[in-house]
Amino acid sequence: MTITNGDVRPLPTVLSLWGTGPRLDDARVDEVDIVFFAPPAGDTLGCRAREHRDEESGRVDRTLGYVDEVGRVVAEVFVSGSVHPGGGRGEVDPLAGELLHSVAERFDLADVRRIRMRFRGHPAGVASPSWSATVLQQYRTDHERVEDVALVGTDSSGSVVARAWVTVAADS
């Protein structure tokens, strides 16, 4: 399958959707939420984007809806960040890559149904955080068993620098 939005990309896992749109032109991303819905009908996806800027608070929110050939939203990426004075560089917190790598090591990416990430900041040049995982709950949705898992990244002093909540299909 391919995503069409000016270019062609493989579809959809957390990593492929992450690569298609978490950048904000003039803000630093500090919050991301990726949700998967029904499997797509057909071989291509389109992308619809909407953005909201709050000048007073300096926040920018963007939602990307991935739509299949019959018009159903099959996945959605929500990205939020804060605008830097004088403009930004569309940066994503460097911990995002490490967090997604940790998710990819723990789960089959095809089983990830939702991932929410929040970043508190991590100074450049500091050692990679330690990641811990805790199963919060297991339950059954309309069509499958899933579990919610919390991932927490801490620096060498024990301070939390990033958190993620992953909903993943659980083995029967």
N, C-alpha and C. Protein backbone atom coordinates (compact mmCIF):
# COMPACT_ATOMS: atom_id res chain seq x y z
N MET A 1 0.83 -1.18 0.00
CA MET A 1 0.00 0.00 0.00
C MET A 1 0.86 1.23 0.00
N THR A 2 0.32 2.32 -0.51
CA THR A 2 1.07 3.57 -0.55
C THR A 2 0.23 4.71 -0.02
N ILE A 3 0.90 5.69 0.53
CA ILE A 3 0.26 6.93 0.95
C ILE A 3 0.54 7.93 -0.15
N THR A 4 -0.49 8.65 -0.59
CA THR A 4 -0.25 9.68 -1.60
C THR A 4 -0.54 11.04 -1.01
N ASN A 5 0.42 11.89 -1.07
CA ASN A 5 0.30 13.28 -0.64
C ASN A 5 1.47 14.03 -1.27
N GLY A 6 1.58 13.88 -2.59
CA GLY A 6 2.69 14.48 -3.28
C GLY A 6 3.86 13.52 -3.46
N ASP A 7 3.95 12.50 -2.63
CA ASP A 7 4.99 11.50 -2.79
C ASP A 7 4.44 10.16 -2.33
N VAL A 8 5.19 9.11 -2.60
CA VAL A 8 4.72 7.76 -2.29
C VAL A 8 5.53 7.21 -1.12
N ARG A 9 4.84 6.60 -0.17
CA ARG A 9 5.49 6.01 1.01
C ARG A 9 4.79 4.70 1.36
N PRO A 10 5.51 3.78 1.99
CA PRO A 10 4.85 2.56 2.45
C PRO A 10 3.89 2.86 3.59
N LEU A 11 2.88 2.08 3.76
CA LEU A 11 1.86 2.32 4.77
C LEU A 11 1.63 1.18 5.73
N PRO A 12 0.77 1.45 6.66
CA PRO A 12 0.96 2.39 7.73
C PRO A 12 1.39 1.64 8.97
N THR A 13 2.40 2.08 9.54
CA THR A 13 2.79 1.67 10.88
C THR A 13 3.09 2.95 11.62
N VAL A 14 3.37 2.82 12.90
CA VAL A 14 3.72 4.00 13.68
C VAL A 14 4.89 4.73 13.03
N LEU A 15 5.88 3.99 12.58
CA LEU A 15 7.06 4.63 12.02
C LEU A 15 6.77 5.30 10.69
N SER A 16 5.97 4.68 9.83
CA SER A 16 5.69 5.31 8.54
C SER A 16 4.82 6.55 8.70
N LEU A 17 3.83 6.52 9.61
CA LEU A 17 3.01 7.72 9.83
C LEU A 17 3.81 8.80 10.53
N TRP A 18 4.71 8.40 11.42
CA TRP A 18 5.56 9.36 12.11
C TRP A 18 6.37 10.16 11.08
N GLY A 19 6.86 9.47 10.09
CA GLY A 19 7.69 10.13 9.10
C GLY A 19 6.94 11.03 8.14
N THR A 20 5.62 10.91 8.07
CA THR A 20 4.87 11.70 7.09
C THR A 20 4.39 13.04 7.61
N GLY A 21 4.51 13.35 8.92
CA GLY A 21 3.95 14.62 9.26
C GLY A 21 4.07 15.18 10.64
N PRO A 22 4.95 14.74 11.52
CA PRO A 22 4.95 15.35 12.84
C PRO A 22 5.67 16.69 12.91
N ARG A 23 6.26 17.15 11.80
CA ARG A 23 6.99 18.42 11.83
C ARG A 23 6.02 19.59 11.75
N LEU A 24 6.28 20.58 12.55
CA LEU A 24 5.55 21.85 12.48
C LEU A 24 6.56 22.88 12.02
N ASP A 25 6.19 23.70 11.05
CA ASP A 25 7.14 24.59 10.40
C ASP A 25 7.88 25.52 11.37
N ASP A 26 7.20 26.04 12.36
CA ASP A 26 7.83 27.05 13.21
C ASP A 26 7.67 26.76 14.70
N ALA A 27 7.59 25.47 15.05
CA ALA A 27 7.39 25.11 16.45
C ALA A 27 8.19 23.85 16.77
N ARG A 28 8.43 23.67 18.04
CA ARG A 28 9.08 22.44 18.52
C ARG A 28 7.98 21.50 19.01
N VAL A 29 7.93 20.31 18.44
CA VAL A 29 6.91 19.31 18.78
C VAL A 29 7.20 18.74 20.16
N ASP A 30 6.17 18.72 21.02
CA ASP A 30 6.34 18.13 22.33
C ASP A 30 5.24 17.15 22.69
N GLU A 31 4.31 16.93 21.77
CA GLU A 31 3.20 16.01 22.02
C GLU A 31 2.76 15.40 20.69
N VAL A 32 2.61 14.08 20.68
CA VAL A 32 2.19 13.37 19.47
C VAL A 32 1.20 12.28 19.87
N ASP A 33 0.17 12.09 19.06
CA ASP A 33 -0.82 11.03 19.27
C ASP A 33 -1.11 10.40 17.91
N ILE A 34 -0.81 9.11 17.75
CA ILE A 34 -1.05 8.40 16.50
C ILE A 34 -2.07 7.30 16.78
N VAL A 35 -3.17 7.31 16.02
CA VAL A 35 -4.26 6.34 16.21
C VAL A 35 -4.55 5.63 14.90
N PHE A 36 -4.74 4.31 14.98
CA PHE A 36 -5.12 3.53 13.82
C PHE A 36 -6.58 3.10 13.97
N PHE A 37 -7.33 3.19 12.87
CA PHE A 37 -8.73 2.78 12.87
C PHE A 37 -8.87 1.53 12.02
N ALA A 38 -9.88 1.45 11.19
CA ALA A 38 -10.12 0.28 10.35
C ALA A 38 -9.04 0.12 9.29
N PRO A 39 -8.79 -1.13 8.87
CA PRO A 39 -7.84 -1.34 7.76
C PRO A 39 -8.34 -0.62 6.51
N PRO A 40 -7.42 -0.10 5.71
CA PRO A 40 -7.84 0.67 4.53
C PRO A 40 -8.44 -0.20 3.43
N ALA A 41 -9.36 0.40 2.69
CA ALA A 41 -9.90 -0.24 1.49
C ALA A 41 -9.08 0.30 0.32
N GLY A 42 -8.55 -0.57 -0.49
CA GLY A 42 -7.77 -0.14 -1.64
C GLY A 42 -6.29 -0.06 -1.33
N ASP A 43 -5.55 0.42 -2.33
CA ASP A 43 -4.09 0.41 -2.23
C ASP A 43 -3.45 1.76 -1.94
N THR A 44 -4.21 2.84 -1.90
CA THR A 44 -3.61 4.14 -1.66
C THR A 44 -4.34 4.89 -0.56
N LEU A 45 -3.63 5.78 0.08
CA LEU A 45 -4.20 6.66 1.10
C LEU A 45 -3.92 8.10 0.72
N GLY A 46 -4.89 8.95 0.99
CA GLY A 46 -4.69 10.38 0.89
C GLY A 46 -4.51 10.94 2.29
N CYS A 47 -4.06 12.16 2.38
CA CYS A 47 -3.84 12.79 3.68
C CYS A 47 -4.53 14.14 3.71
N ARG A 48 -5.33 14.35 4.74
CA ARG A 48 -5.99 15.64 4.95
C ARG A 48 -5.41 16.26 6.22
N ALA A 49 -5.01 17.51 6.13
CA ALA A 49 -4.39 18.17 7.27
C ALA A 49 -5.21 19.38 7.70
N ARG A 50 -5.25 19.61 8.99
CA ARG A 50 -5.83 20.85 9.51
C ARG A 50 -4.95 21.32 10.66
N GLU A 51 -4.86 22.63 10.80
CA GLU A 51 -3.96 23.21 11.78
C GLU A 51 -4.67 24.30 12.56
N HIS A 52 -4.34 24.40 13.83
CA HIS A 52 -4.89 25.45 14.68
C HIS A 52 -3.72 26.12 15.40
N ARG A 53 -3.69 27.45 15.32
CA ARG A 53 -2.66 28.23 16.00
C ARG A 53 -3.31 29.12 17.04
N ASP A 54 -2.77 29.10 18.24
CA ASP A 54 -3.23 29.98 19.30
C ASP A 54 -2.10 30.98 19.57
N GLU A 55 -2.23 32.16 19.02
CA GLU A 55 -1.18 33.17 19.12
C GLU A 55 -0.92 33.58 20.57
N GLU A 56 -1.97 33.59 21.38
CA GLU A 56 -1.82 34.01 22.78
C GLU A 56 -0.93 33.06 23.57
N SER A 57 -1.16 31.75 23.41
CA SER A 57 -0.38 30.77 24.17
C SER A 57 0.87 30.31 23.43
N GLY A 58 0.94 30.59 22.12
CA GLY A 58 2.09 30.15 21.35
C GLY A 58 2.04 28.67 20.97
N ARG A 59 0.86 28.05 21.04
CA ARG A 59 0.72 26.63 20.71
C ARG A 59 0.25 26.47 19.26
N VAL A 60 0.73 25.40 18.63
CA VAL A 60 0.31 25.02 17.28
C VAL A 60 -0.12 23.56 17.35
N ASP A 61 -1.30 23.26 16.83
CA ASP A 61 -1.80 21.88 16.78
C ASP A 61 -2.07 21.53 15.32
N ARG A 62 -1.65 20.34 14.90
CA ARG A 62 -1.92 19.88 13.54
C ARG A 62 -2.48 18.46 13.64
N THR A 63 -3.52 18.20 12.86
CA THR A 63 -4.11 16.87 12.77
C THR A 63 -4.03 16.42 11.32
N LEU A 64 -3.47 15.24 11.12
CA LEU A 64 -3.37 14.64 9.80
C LEU A 64 -4.27 13.41 9.77
N GLY A 65 -5.26 13.42 8.90
CA GLY A 65 -6.15 12.27 8.75
C GLY A 65 -5.80 11.52 7.49
N TYR A 66 -5.48 10.24 7.62
CA TYR A 66 -5.15 9.40 6.46
C TYR A 66 -6.42 8.71 6.01
N VAL A 67 -6.80 8.94 4.75
CA VAL A 67 -8.09 8.53 4.22
C VAL A 67 -7.88 7.50 3.12
N ASP A 68 -8.69 6.41 3.15
CA ASP A 68 -8.56 5.39 2.11
C ASP A 68 -9.35 5.79 0.87
N GLU A 69 -9.39 4.90 -0.11
CA GLU A 69 -10.00 5.20 -1.40
C GLU A 69 -11.51 5.45 -1.33
N VAL A 70 -12.17 4.96 -0.26
CA VAL A 70 -13.62 5.18 -0.14
C VAL A 70 -13.94 6.32 0.81
N GLY A 71 -12.91 7.04 1.29
CA GLY A 71 -13.13 8.21 2.12
C GLY A 71 -13.14 7.98 3.62
N ARG A 72 -12.83 6.75 4.07
CA ARG A 72 -12.79 6.49 5.52
C ARG A 72 -11.44 6.90 6.11
N VAL A 73 -11.47 7.51 7.28
CA VAL A 73 -10.23 7.80 7.98
C VAL A 73 -9.72 6.49 8.57
N VAL A 74 -8.51 6.08 8.18
CA VAL A 74 -7.94 4.82 8.66
C VAL A 74 -6.87 5.04 9.71
N ALA A 75 -6.31 6.25 9.77
CA ALA A 75 -5.32 6.59 10.79
C ALA A 75 -5.31 8.10 10.95
N GLU A 76 -4.90 8.52 12.15
CA GLU A 76 -4.85 9.95 12.43
C GLU A 76 -3.62 10.25 13.27
N VAL A 77 -2.93 11.33 12.93
CA VAL A 77 -1.77 11.78 13.69
C VAL A 77 -2.08 13.19 14.19
N PHE A 78 -1.99 13.38 15.51
CA PHE A 78 -2.16 14.69 16.12
C PHE A 78 -0.79 15.11 16.64
N VAL A 79 -0.38 16.34 16.31
CA VAL A 79 0.92 16.85 16.72
C VAL A 79 0.70 18.23 17.33
N SER A 80 1.38 18.49 18.45
CA SER A 80 1.25 19.78 19.10
C SER A 80 2.63 20.26 19.52
N GLY A 81 2.82 21.57 19.45
CA GLY A 81 4.11 22.11 19.85
C GLY A 81 4.00 23.57 20.23
N SER A 82 5.12 24.12 20.68
CA SER A 82 5.14 25.52 21.07
C SER A 82 6.03 26.28 20.10
N VAL A 83 5.57 27.47 19.74
CA VAL A 83 6.30 28.33 18.82
C VAL A 83 7.43 29.00 19.58
N HIS A 84 8.60 29.00 18.98
CA HIS A 84 9.75 29.67 19.57
C HIS A 84 9.77 31.12 19.11
N PRO A 85 10.13 32.06 19.98
CA PRO A 85 10.26 33.44 19.54
C PRO A 85 11.24 33.54 18.37
N GLY A 86 10.86 34.27 17.34
CA GLY A 86 11.73 34.40 16.17
C GLY A 86 11.64 33.23 15.22
N GLY A 87 10.69 32.33 15.44
CA GLY A 87 10.53 31.19 14.55
C GLY A 87 11.20 29.95 15.09
N GLY A 88 10.85 28.84 14.54
CA GLY A 88 11.42 27.57 14.95
C GLY A 88 11.95 26.84 13.75
N ARG A 89 12.31 25.60 13.94
CA ARG A 89 12.88 24.84 12.85
C ARG A 89 12.08 23.56 12.58
N GLY A 90 10.86 23.49 13.04
CA GLY A 90 10.08 22.28 12.80
C GLY A 90 10.68 21.08 13.50
N GLU A 91 11.28 21.30 14.66
CA GLU A 91 12.00 20.24 15.34
C GLU A 91 11.06 19.31 16.10
N VAL A 92 11.42 18.06 16.12
CA VAL A 92 10.77 17.08 16.97
C VAL A 92 11.77 16.77 18.07
N ASP A 93 11.30 16.62 19.28
CA ASP A 93 12.21 16.32 20.37
C ASP A 93 13.07 15.12 20.00
N PRO A 94 14.38 15.20 20.22
CA PRO A 94 15.26 14.08 19.85
C PRO A 94 14.90 12.78 20.55
N LEU A 95 14.19 12.86 21.65
CA LEU A 95 13.78 11.64 22.35
C LEU A 95 12.73 10.86 21.56
N ALA A 96 12.05 11.50 20.62
CA ALA A 96 11.00 10.81 19.86
C ALA A 96 11.56 9.60 19.14
N GLY A 97 12.70 9.76 18.49
CA GLY A 97 13.31 8.63 17.78
C GLY A 97 13.68 7.51 18.72
N GLU A 98 14.23 7.85 19.88
CA GLU A 98 14.60 6.82 20.86
C GLU A 98 13.35 6.12 21.39
N LEU A 99 12.31 6.89 21.63
CA LEU A 99 11.08 6.31 22.14
C LEU A 99 10.47 5.36 21.11
N LEU A 100 10.42 5.79 19.86
CA LEU A 100 9.87 4.92 18.82
C LEU A 100 10.72 3.68 18.62
N HIS A 101 12.04 3.82 18.76
CA HIS A 101 12.92 2.66 18.68
C HIS A 101 12.60 1.68 19.82
N SER A 102 12.36 2.20 21.00
CA SER A 102 11.99 1.37 22.14
C SER A 102 10.67 0.64 21.88
N VAL A 103 9.70 1.33 21.28
CA VAL A 103 8.42 0.71 20.93
C VAL A 103 8.64 -0.41 19.91
N ALA A 104 9.46 -0.14 18.89
CA ALA A 104 9.73 -1.13 17.85
C ALA A 104 10.43 -2.37 18.41
N GLU A 105 11.25 -2.20 19.44
CA GLU A 105 11.92 -3.34 20.06
C GLU A 105 10.95 -4.19 20.88
N ARG A 106 9.95 -3.57 21.47
CA ARG A 106 9.04 -4.28 22.37
C ARG A 106 7.83 -4.91 21.68
N PHE A 107 7.36 -4.29 20.60
CA PHE A 107 6.11 -4.71 19.98
C PHE A 107 6.27 -4.92 18.49
N ASP A 108 5.42 -5.77 17.93
CA ASP A 108 5.30 -5.86 16.48
C ASP A 108 4.55 -4.60 16.05
N LEU A 109 5.15 -3.78 15.19
CA LEU A 109 4.54 -2.50 14.83
C LEU A 109 3.16 -2.65 14.21
N ALA A 110 2.89 -3.77 13.56
CA ALA A 110 1.57 -4.00 12.98
C ALA A 110 0.50 -4.17 14.06
N ASP A 111 0.91 -4.46 15.30
CA ASP A 111 -0.04 -4.64 16.40
C ASP A 111 -0.31 -3.35 17.17
N VAL A 112 0.45 -2.29 16.92
CA VAL A 112 0.25 -1.04 17.65
C VAL A 112 -1.01 -0.36 17.12
N ARG A 113 -1.95 -0.09 18.03
CA ARG A 113 -3.21 0.56 17.66
C ARG A 113 -3.21 2.05 17.96
N ARG A 114 -2.43 2.46 18.97
CA ARG A 114 -2.35 3.87 19.32
C ARG A 114 -1.07 4.09 20.12
N ILE A 115 -0.47 5.25 19.89
CA ILE A 115 0.67 5.64 20.72
C ILE A 115 0.55 7.14 20.99
N ARG A 116 0.67 7.49 22.25
CA ARG A 116 0.65 8.88 22.68
C ARG A 116 2.02 9.17 23.30
N MET A 117 2.66 10.25 22.88
CA MET A 117 4.00 10.59 23.37
C MET A 117 4.01 12.01 23.91
N ARG A 118 4.69 12.20 25.03
CA ARG A 118 4.86 13.52 25.62
C ARG A 118 6.33 13.67 25.99
N PHE A 119 6.90 14.84 25.68
CA PHE A 119 8.32 15.07 25.93
C PHE A 119 8.49 16.23 26.89
N ARG A 120 9.41 16.09 27.84
CA ARG A 120 9.69 17.14 28.81
C ARG A 120 11.01 17.83 28.51
N GLY A 121 11.71 17.36 27.53
CA GLY A 121 13.00 17.97 27.17
C GLY A 121 14.15 17.12 27.65
N HIS A 122 15.20 17.15 26.88
CA HIS A 122 16.37 16.34 27.17
C HIS A 122 17.56 17.09 26.60
N PRO A 123 18.48 17.53 27.45
CA PRO A 123 19.62 18.31 26.95
C PRO A 123 20.45 17.52 25.93
N ALA A 124 20.91 18.22 24.91
CA ALA A 124 21.76 17.58 23.90
C ALA A 124 23.05 17.10 24.55
N GLY A 125 23.56 15.99 24.06
CA GLY A 125 24.82 15.47 24.57
C GLY A 125 24.68 14.65 25.83
N VAL A 126 23.49 14.55 26.38
CA VAL A 126 23.27 13.75 27.59
C VAL A 126 22.99 12.32 27.16
N ALA A 127 23.42 11.37 27.97
CA ALA A 127 23.23 9.95 27.65
C ALA A 127 21.76 9.63 27.40
N SER A 128 21.53 8.61 26.60
CA SER A 128 20.16 8.16 26.31
C SER A 128 19.46 7.78 27.60
N PRO A 129 18.16 8.03 27.65
CA PRO A 129 17.42 7.69 28.87
C PRO A 129 17.26 6.18 29.01
N SER A 130 16.93 5.78 30.21
CA SER A 130 16.55 4.39 30.48
C SER A 130 15.05 4.30 30.30
N TRP A 131 14.60 3.23 29.63
CA TRP A 131 13.17 3.07 29.36
C TRP A 131 12.61 1.93 30.18
N SER A 132 11.49 2.19 30.83
CA SER A 132 10.78 1.13 31.56
C SER A 132 9.39 0.99 30.98
N ALA A 133 8.86 -0.22 31.04
CA ALA A 133 7.52 -0.49 30.50
C ALA A 133 6.67 -1.14 31.58
N THR A 134 5.42 -0.69 31.68
CA THR A 134 4.47 -1.23 32.64
C THR A 134 3.14 -1.45 31.95
N VAL A 135 2.60 -2.67 32.05
CA VAL A 135 1.27 -2.94 31.51
C VAL A 135 0.26 -2.31 32.47
N LEU A 136 -0.55 -1.39 31.96
CA LEU A 136 -1.53 -0.69 32.78
C LEU A 136 -2.84 -1.45 32.87
N GLN A 137 -3.29 -1.99 31.73
CA GLN A 137 -4.54 -2.75 31.73
C GLN A 137 -4.64 -3.59 30.47
N GLN A 138 -5.45 -4.63 30.56
CA GLN A 138 -5.78 -5.47 29.41
C GLN A 138 -7.29 -5.51 29.30
N TYR A 139 -7.79 -5.45 28.08
CA TYR A 139 -9.24 -5.44 27.89
C TYR A 139 -9.56 -5.88 26.47
N ARG A 140 -10.81 -6.07 26.20
CA ARG A 140 -11.26 -6.48 24.88
C ARG A 140 -12.03 -5.33 24.25
N THR A 141 -11.66 -4.99 23.01
CA THR A 141 -12.44 -4.01 22.25
C THR A 141 -13.51 -4.79 21.50
N ASP A 142 -14.19 -4.16 20.58
CA ASP A 142 -15.23 -4.85 19.81
C ASP A 142 -14.70 -6.05 19.05
N HIS A 143 -13.43 -6.02 18.66
CA HIS A 143 -12.93 -7.06 17.77
C HIS A 143 -11.63 -7.73 18.19
N GLU A 144 -10.97 -7.27 19.27
CA GLU A 144 -9.71 -7.90 19.67
C GLU A 144 -9.34 -7.56 21.10
N ARG A 145 -8.45 -8.39 21.64
CA ARG A 145 -7.88 -8.10 22.96
C ARG A 145 -6.72 -7.15 22.80
N VAL A 146 -6.65 -6.15 23.64
CA VAL A 146 -5.55 -5.18 23.61
C VAL A 146 -5.04 -4.95 25.02
N GLU A 147 -3.87 -4.34 25.11
CA GLU A 147 -3.35 -3.91 26.40
C GLU A 147 -2.76 -2.53 26.26
N ASP A 148 -2.87 -1.76 27.32
CA ASP A 148 -2.27 -0.44 27.38
C ASP A 148 -0.98 -0.55 28.17
N VAL A 149 0.10 -0.04 27.60
CA VAL A 149 1.42 -0.13 28.21
C VAL A 149 1.98 1.28 28.33
N ALA A 150 2.51 1.61 29.50
CA ALA A 150 3.17 2.90 29.70
C ALA A 150 4.67 2.71 29.55
N LEU A 151 5.30 3.57 28.78
CA LEU A 151 6.76 3.61 28.67
C LEU A 151 7.22 4.92 29.28
N VAL A 152 8.23 4.85 30.13
CA VAL A 152 8.74 6.05 30.79
C VAL A 152 10.25 6.10 30.57
N GLY A 153 10.72 7.25 30.09
CA GLY A 153 12.15 7.47 29.91
C GLY A 153 12.67 8.38 30.99
N THR A 154 13.71 7.93 31.68
CA THR A 154 14.31 8.73 32.75
C THR A 154 15.78 8.96 32.44
N ASP A 155 16.28 10.13 32.85
CA ASP A 155 17.70 10.41 32.66
C ASP A 155 18.50 9.83 33.82
N SER A 156 19.80 10.07 33.83
CA SER A 156 20.67 9.46 34.85
C SER A 156 20.35 9.93 36.27
N SER A 157 19.69 11.08 36.42
CA SER A 157 19.31 11.56 37.75
C SER A 157 17.96 11.01 38.21
N GLY A 158 17.28 10.27 37.30
CA GLY A 158 15.97 9.72 37.64
C GLY A 158 14.81 10.61 37.23
N SER A 159 15.10 11.75 36.60
CA SER A 159 14.04 12.65 36.16
C SER A 159 13.37 12.10 34.90
N VAL A 160 12.05 12.20 34.85
CA VAL A 160 11.31 11.75 33.67
C VAL A 160 11.49 12.78 32.56
N VAL A 161 11.94 12.29 31.39
CA VAL A 161 12.15 13.18 30.25
C VAL A 161 11.16 12.91 29.12
N ALA A 162 10.53 11.73 29.13
CA ALA A 162 9.53 11.40 28.10
C ALA A 162 8.62 10.30 28.62
N ARG A 163 7.39 10.31 28.13
CA ARG A 163 6.41 9.28 28.46
C ARG A 163 5.67 8.88 27.20
N ALA A 164 5.25 7.63 27.16
CA ALA A 164 4.41 7.18 26.05
C ALA A 164 3.40 6.20 26.61
N TRP A 165 2.25 6.18 25.99
CA TRP A 165 1.21 5.21 26.30
C TRP A 165 0.89 4.49 25.00
N VAL A 166 1.09 3.20 24.98
CA VAL A 166 0.92 2.42 23.76
C VAL A 166 -0.24 1.45 23.96
N THR A 167 -1.17 1.44 23.01
CA THR A 167 -2.22 0.43 22.98
C THR A 167 -1.83 -0.55 21.89
N VAL A 168 -1.73 -1.81 22.27
CA VAL A 168 -1.21 -2.83 21.36
C VAL A 168 -2.11 -4.06 21.41
N ALA A 169 -2.29 -4.71 20.25
CA ALA A 169 -3.07 -5.94 20.21
C ALA A 169 -2.34 -6.99 21.04
N ALA A 170 -3.08 -7.68 21.90
CA ALA A 170 -2.49 -8.70 22.78
C ALA A 170 -2.72 -10.09 22.18
N ASP A 171 -1.81 -10.98 22.45
CA ASP A 171 -1.96 -12.35 21.99
C ASP A 171 -3.20 -12.97 22.62
N SER A 172 -3.84 -13.85 21.88
CA SER A 172 -5.04 -14.51 22.40
C SER A 172 -4.68 -15.47 23.51
